[in-house]
Amino acid sequence: FWNKIQSYQHATTSLKAKGMTPKQMQNVNRARGCYALILCAVYPLMYRYLPDETLRDTVLSRAVATAMVAVTVHMYNILKVYGK
């Protein structure tokens, strides 16, 4: 139910009411698309091009996880501004 309400709000609230310019909205959508591509491509690229020894390295795993969490948090903050 609440997802439908939120979806309705996003679809019916104007950019002016949200306090956003069309350029800001374009930047939000561009960032969302770029971050989604980055997050979806990380693991397949690593699996394809890195040797097994490197993939089993805990330092690399933690670094990749940290980077993915940071990108996700940044995307969340961008979308949070969009949702106001």
Protein backbone atom coordinates (compact mmCIF):
# COMPACT_ATOMS: atom_id res chain seq x y z
CA PHE A 1 0.00 0.00 0.00
CA TRP A 2 2.67 2.51 1.01
CA ASN A 3 4.71 1.72 -2.09
CA LYS A 4 1.71 2.70 -4.23
CA ILE A 5 1.30 5.92 -2.26
CA GLN A 6 4.98 6.78 -2.64
CA SER A 7 4.91 5.87 -6.32
CA TYR A 8 1.87 8.10 -6.81
CA GLN A 9 3.63 10.97 -5.02
CA HIS A 10 6.68 10.66 -7.26
CA ALA A 11 4.54 10.55 -10.38
CA THR A 12 2.27 13.48 -9.50
CA THR A 13 4.54 15.92 -7.67
CA SER A 14 5.99 18.53 -9.98
CA LEU A 15 9.65 19.43 -10.08
CA LYS A 16 8.74 22.90 -8.88
CA ALA A 17 6.98 21.48 -5.81
CA LYS A 18 10.04 19.34 -5.10
CA GLY A 19 12.28 22.38 -5.51
CA MET A 20 14.26 20.86 -8.37
CA THR A 21 15.18 22.22 -11.75
CA PRO A 22 15.00 20.03 -14.86
CA LYS A 23 18.83 20.02 -14.93
CA GLN A 24 18.95 18.67 -11.36
CA MET A 25 16.45 15.95 -12.25
CA GLN A 26 18.51 15.03 -15.29
CA ASN A 27 21.62 14.78 -13.10
CA VAL A 28 19.78 12.57 -10.58
CA ASN A 29 18.63 10.21 -13.31
CA ARG A 30 22.07 10.15 -14.92
CA ALA A 31 23.76 9.36 -11.59
CA ARG A 32 21.22 6.67 -10.78
CA GLY A 33 21.81 4.99 -14.14
CA CYS A 34 25.61 5.21 -13.90
CA TYR A 35 25.70 3.84 -10.38
CA ALA A 36 23.39 0.98 -11.29
CA LEU A 37 25.66 0.04 -14.20
CA ILE A 38 28.73 0.17 -11.98
CA LEU A 39 27.16 -1.96 -9.25
CA CYS A 40 25.84 -4.55 -11.69
CA ALA A 41 29.13 -4.87 -13.56
CA VAL A 42 31.63 -5.18 -10.70
CA TYR A 43 31.35 -8.86 -9.86
CA PRO A 44 31.09 -10.29 -13.39
CA LEU A 45 34.11 -8.26 -14.51
CA MET A 46 36.14 -9.31 -11.48
CA TYR A 47 35.20 -12.95 -11.95
CA ARG A 48 36.04 -12.85 -15.63
CA TYR A 49 39.41 -11.08 -15.52
CA LEU A 50 41.00 -11.70 -12.12
CA PRO A 51 42.84 -14.90 -11.21
CA ASP A 52 41.46 -17.17 -8.48
CA GLU A 53 44.20 -16.23 -6.00
CA THR A 54 43.27 -12.58 -6.26
CA LEU A 55 39.56 -13.27 -5.95
CA ARG A 56 40.15 -15.19 -2.71
CA ASP A 57 42.08 -12.30 -1.16
CA THR A 58 40.19 -10.92 1.84
CA VAL A 59 41.67 -7.44 1.43
CA LEU A 60 40.30 -7.21 -2.11
CA SER A 61 36.93 -8.56 -1.01
CA ARG A 62 36.66 -6.03 1.78
CA ALA A 63 37.75 -3.19 -0.51
CA VAL A 64 35.16 -4.12 -3.14
CA ALA A 65 32.45 -4.47 -0.50
CA THR A 66 33.36 -1.10 1.02
CA ALA A 67 33.31 0.56 -2.40
CA MET A 68 29.93 -0.98 -3.22
CA VAL A 69 28.46 0.13 0.11
CA ALA A 70 29.83 3.65 -0.44
CA VAL A 71 28.30 3.82 -3.93
CA THR A 72 24.99 2.51 -2.61
CA VAL A 73 24.92 5.06 0.23
CA HIS A 74 25.73 7.85 -2.21
CA MET A 75 22.95 6.70 -4.54
CA TYR A 76 20.55 6.53 -1.59
CA ASN A 77 21.39 10.11 -0.64
CA ILE A 78 20.79 11.28 -4.21
CA LEU A 79 17.42 9.51 -4.34
CA LYS A 80 16.51 10.82 -0.89
CA VAL A 81 16.88 14.36 -2.19
CA TYR A 82 14.79 13.41 -5.24
CA GLY A 83 12.05 11.99 -3.02
CA LYS A 84 11.47 15.18 -1.05
